[in-house]
Amino acid sequence: MLHVVAALIWRDGKFLICQRPKDKKRALNWEFVGGKVEKGETKEQALVRECKEELDITVKVNDVFCQVTHEYPDVTVNLTLFNAEILDGEPRMLEHNDMKWITPAEVDNYEFCPADVEILKKIKKTFC
């Protein structure tokens, strides 16, 4: 099982989503910023590293918003989504194809990675 972490970052009633690159699995699907937990890292450390690598931002990792396990044909992922806030920097795309700030009501306008579907339902239920 692959352990991955992601950040739910809010600004002015909208949260940040990123579009996966064309050359990666689940290409051009939308997702939350984050990635794999490396050996020797805590989930929080992994999330701080991934946000810096992918968006050049420093984040404060807060509490867990939710956790899901999803089976893809090629891998099973255990995804932990943390509430997070930007401490330093303005998000800029270093790896993604695109990024957007969206409201919970706009979720259905985007094609997300399948692992995020249950998370998005909870976001809509909680914030709409």
C-alpha atoms as a PDB file:
ATOM      1  CA  MET A   1       0.000   0.000   0.000  1.00  0.00           C
ATOM      2  CA  LEU A   2       1.241   3.455  -0.905  1.00  0.00           C
ATOM      3  CA  HIS A   3       0.842   6.152   1.755  1.00  0.00           C
ATOM      4  CA  VAL A   4       0.185   9.612   0.325  1.00  0.00           C
ATOM      5  CA  VAL A   5      -0.641  12.961   1.877  1.00  0.00           C
ATOM      6  CA  ALA A   6      -2.381  16.029   0.531  1.00  0.00           C
ATOM      7  CA  ALA A   7      -3.248  19.549   1.638  1.00  0.00           C
ATOM      8  CA  LEU A   8      -6.642  21.210   1.844  1.00  0.00           C
ATOM      9  CA  ILE A   9      -5.659  24.878   1.593  1.00  0.00           C
ATOM     10  CA  TRP A  10      -8.349  27.581   1.766  1.00  0.00           C
ATOM     11  CA  ARG A  11      -8.288  31.225   0.664  1.00  0.00           C
ATOM     12  CA  ASP A  12     -11.294  33.545   0.559  1.00  0.00           C
ATOM     13  CA  GLY A  13     -13.823  30.697   0.608  1.00  0.00           C
ATOM     14  CA  LYS A  14     -12.025  28.713  -2.111  1.00  0.00           C
ATOM     15  CA  PHE A  15      -9.630  25.776  -1.911  1.00  0.00           C
ATOM     16  CA  LEU A  16      -6.602  24.983  -4.046  1.00  0.00           C
ATOM     17  CA  ILE A  17      -6.623  22.203  -6.644  1.00  0.00           C
ATOM     18  CA  CYS A  18      -3.881  21.196  -9.064  1.00  0.00           C
ATOM     19  CA  GLN A  19      -4.023  19.426 -12.420  1.00  0.00           C
ATOM     20  CA  ARG A  20      -1.720  16.441 -12.849  1.00  0.00           C
ATOM     21  CA  PRO A  21       0.900  16.612 -15.613  1.00  0.00           C
ATOM     22  CA  LYS A  22       0.213  15.013 -19.006  1.00  0.00           C
ATOM     23  CA  ASP A  23       3.051  12.498 -18.579  1.00  0.00           C
ATOM     24  CA  LYS A  24       1.948  10.967 -15.236  1.00  0.00           C
ATOM     25  CA  LYS A  25      -0.646   8.336 -14.382  1.00  0.00           C
ATOM     26  CA  ARG A  26      -4.142   9.805 -14.129  1.00  0.00           C
ATOM     27  CA  ALA A  27      -2.911  12.528 -16.459  1.00  0.00           C
ATOM     28  CA  LEU A  28      -4.762  15.861 -16.378  1.00  0.00           C
ATOM     29  CA  ASN A  29      -7.014  14.795 -13.503  1.00  0.00           C
ATOM     30  CA  TRP A  30      -7.373  17.342 -10.731  1.00  0.00           C
ATOM     31  CA  GLU A  31      -6.073  16.672  -7.225  1.00  0.00           C
ATOM     32  CA  PHE A  32      -4.907  18.283  -4.012  1.00  0.00           C
ATOM     33  CA  VAL A  33      -1.234  19.212  -3.723  1.00  0.00           C
ATOM     34  CA  GLY A  34       0.765  16.452  -2.057  1.00  0.00           C
ATOM     35  CA  GLY A  35       2.463  13.157  -2.704  1.00  0.00           C
ATOM     36  CA  LYS A  36       4.133  10.049  -1.326  1.00  0.00           C
ATOM     37  CA  VAL A  37       5.392   9.683   2.210  1.00  0.00           C
ATOM     38  CA  GLU A  38       9.065   8.731   1.941  1.00  0.00           C
ATOM     39  CA  LYS A  39      10.816   6.289   4.275  1.00  0.00           C
ATOM     40  CA  GLY A  40      11.719   7.974   7.552  1.00  0.00           C
ATOM     41  CA  GLU A  41       9.237  10.854   7.135  1.00  0.00           C
ATOM     42  CA  THR A  42       6.144  11.588   9.147  1.00  0.00           C
ATOM     43  CA  LYS A  43       3.037  12.381   7.133  1.00  0.00           C
ATOM     44  CA  GLU A  44       3.340  16.022   8.185  1.00  0.00           C
ATOM     45  CA  GLN A  45       6.985  16.219   7.080  1.00  0.00           C
ATOM     46  CA  ALA A  46       6.085  14.657   3.736  1.00  0.00           C
ATOM     47  CA  LEU A  47       3.338  17.210   3.163  1.00  0.00           C
ATOM     48  CA  VAL A  48       5.622  20.152   3.940  1.00  0.00           C
ATOM     49  CA  ARG A  49       8.225  18.745   1.513  1.00  0.00           C
ATOM     50  CA  GLU A  50       5.721  18.039  -1.255  1.00  0.00           C
ATOM     51  CA  CYS A  51       4.168  21.531  -1.050  1.00  0.00           C
ATOM     52  CA  LYS A  52       7.637  23.076  -1.325  1.00  0.00           C
ATOM     53  CA  GLU A  53       8.618  20.827  -4.256  1.00  0.00           C
ATOM     54  CA  GLU A  54       5.373  21.191  -6.190  1.00  0.00           C
ATOM     55  CA  LEU A  55       4.249  24.773  -5.460  1.00  0.00           C
ATOM     56  CA  ASP A  56       7.234  26.487  -3.801  1.00  0.00           C
ATOM     57  CA  ILE A  57       5.213  27.259  -0.669  1.00  0.00           C
ATOM     58  CA  THR A  58       5.827  26.608   3.007  1.00  0.00           C
ATOM     59  CA  VAL A  59       2.767  25.260   4.769  1.00  0.00           C
ATOM     60  CA  LYS A  60       1.644  24.723   8.331  1.00  0.00           C
ATOM     61  CA  VAL A  61       0.060  21.286   8.595  1.00  0.00           C
ATOM     62  CA  ASN A  62      -2.999  21.283  10.833  1.00  0.00           C
ATOM     63  CA  ASP A  63      -5.469  18.511  11.695  1.00  0.00           C
ATOM     64  CA  VAL A  64      -6.573  15.651   9.447  1.00  0.00           C
ATOM     65  CA  PHE A  65      -9.662  16.534   7.377  1.00  0.00           C
ATOM     66  CA  CYS A  66     -10.185  12.926   6.304  1.00  0.00           C
ATOM     67  CA  GLN A  67      -8.490   9.730   5.258  1.00  0.00           C
ATOM     68  CA  VAL A  68      -9.420   7.316   2.459  1.00  0.00           C
ATOM     69  CA  THR A  69      -8.068   4.132   0.929  1.00  0.00           C
ATOM     70  CA  HIS A  70      -8.549   3.672  -2.806  1.00  0.00           C
ATOM     71  CA  GLU A  71      -7.639   0.776  -5.077  1.00  0.00           C
ATOM     72  CA  TYR A  72      -6.418   1.769  -8.519  1.00  0.00           C
ATOM     73  CA  PRO A  73      -5.650  -0.978 -11.063  1.00  0.00           C
ATOM     74  CA  ASP A  74      -1.912  -0.429 -10.502  1.00  0.00           C
ATOM     75  CA  VAL A  75      -1.695   0.563  -6.816  1.00  0.00           C
ATOM     76  CA  THR A  76      -3.663   0.888  -3.582  1.00  0.00           C
ATOM     77  CA  VAL A  77      -3.270   4.279  -1.938  1.00  0.00           C
ATOM     78  CA  ASN A  78      -3.999   5.365   1.606  1.00  0.00           C
ATOM     79  CA  LEU A  79      -4.579   9.110   1.320  1.00  0.00           C
ATOM     80  CA  THR A  80      -4.543  11.448   4.302  1.00  0.00           C
ATOM     81  CA  LEU A  81      -5.877  14.937   3.580  1.00  0.00           C
ATOM     82  CA  PHE A  82      -4.728  17.548   6.082  1.00  0.00           C
ATOM     83  CA  ASN A  83      -6.085  21.005   6.657  1.00  0.00           C
ATOM     84  CA  ALA A  84      -3.121  23.254   5.910  1.00  0.00           C
ATOM     85  CA  GLU A  85      -2.316  26.924   5.587  1.00  0.00           C
ATOM     86  CA  ILE A  86       0.312  28.795   3.627  1.00  0.00           C
ATOM     87  CA  LEU A  87       2.954  30.343   5.875  1.00  0.00           C
ATOM     88  CA  ASP A  88       5.269  31.603   3.159  1.00  0.00           C
ATOM     89  CA  GLY A  89       5.193  32.011  -0.612  1.00  0.00           C
ATOM     90  CA  GLU A  90       2.566  32.250  -3.313  1.00  0.00           C
ATOM     91  CA  PRO A  91       1.686  28.981  -5.078  1.00  0.00           C
ATOM     92  CA  ARG A  92       3.383  28.580  -8.432  1.00  0.00           C
ATOM     93  CA  MET A  93       3.319  25.553 -10.676  1.00  0.00           C
ATOM     94  CA  LEU A  94       6.595  23.646 -10.621  1.00  0.00           C
ATOM     95  CA  GLU A  95       5.157  20.246 -11.581  1.00  0.00           C
ATOM     96  CA  HIS A  96       1.456  20.604 -12.379  1.00  0.00           C
ATOM     97  CA  ASN A  97      -0.260  21.412 -15.659  1.00  0.00           C
ATOM     98  CA  ASP A  98      -2.602  23.971 -14.037  1.00  0.00           C
ATOM     99  CA  MET A  99      -3.933  25.100 -10.666  1.00  0.00           C
ATOM    100  CA  LYS A 100      -7.116  26.821  -9.543  1.00  0.00           C
ATOM    101  CA  TRP A 101      -8.879  28.103  -6.463  1.00  0.00           C
ATOM    102  CA  ILE A 102     -12.445  26.742  -6.482  1.00  0.00           C
ATOM    103  CA  THR A 103     -15.495  26.798  -4.230  1.00  0.00           C
ATOM    104  CA  PRO A 104     -17.040  23.554  -2.965  1.00  0.00           C
ATOM    105  CA  ALA A 105     -19.993  24.200  -5.292  1.00  0.00           C
ATOM    106  CA  GLU A 106     -17.638  24.125  -8.317  1.00  0.00           C
ATOM    107  CA  VAL A 107     -16.237  20.637  -7.621  1.00  0.00           C
ATOM    108  CA  ASP A 108     -18.430  18.933 -10.217  1.00  0.00           C
ATOM    109  CA  ASN A 109     -16.907  21.086 -12.980  1.00  0.00           C
ATOM    110  CA  TYR A 110     -13.580  19.247 -12.681  1.00  0.00           C
ATOM    111  CA  GLU A 111     -12.482  15.659 -13.242  1.00  0.00           C
ATOM    112  CA  PHE A 112     -10.627  14.600 -10.099  1.00  0.00           C
ATOM    113  CA  CYS A 113      -8.527  11.541  -9.393  1.00  0.00           C
ATOM    114  CA  PRO A 114     -10.816   8.705  -8.274  1.00  0.00           C
ATOM    115  CA  ALA A 115      -9.216   8.581  -4.800  1.00  0.00           C
ATOM    116  CA  ASP A 116     -10.467  12.126  -4.184  1.00  0.00           C
ATOM    117  CA  VAL A 117     -14.161  11.447  -4.908  1.00  0.00           C
ATOM    118  CA  GLU A 118     -15.160  10.563  -1.333  1.00  0.00           C
ATOM    119  CA  ILE A 119     -13.139  13.496   0.008  1.00  0.00           C
ATOM    120  CA  LEU A 120     -14.905  15.890  -2.346  1.00  0.00           C
ATOM    121  CA  LYS A 121     -18.301  14.612  -1.211  1.00  0.00           C
ATOM    122  CA  LYS A 122     -17.311  15.413   2.375  1.00  0.00           C
ATOM    123  CA  ILE A 123     -16.075  18.886   1.378  1.00  0.00           C
ATOM    124  CA  LYS A 124     -19.376  19.624  -0.389  1.00  0.00           C
ATOM    125  CA  LYS A 125     -21.412  18.257   2.537  1.00  0.00           C
ATOM    126  CA  THR A 126     -19.385  20.231   5.090  1.00  0.00           C
ATOM    127  CA  PHE A 127     -19.024  23.553   3.264  1.00  0.00           C
ATOM    128  CA  CYS A 128     -21.986  23.909   0.876  1.00  0.00           C
END
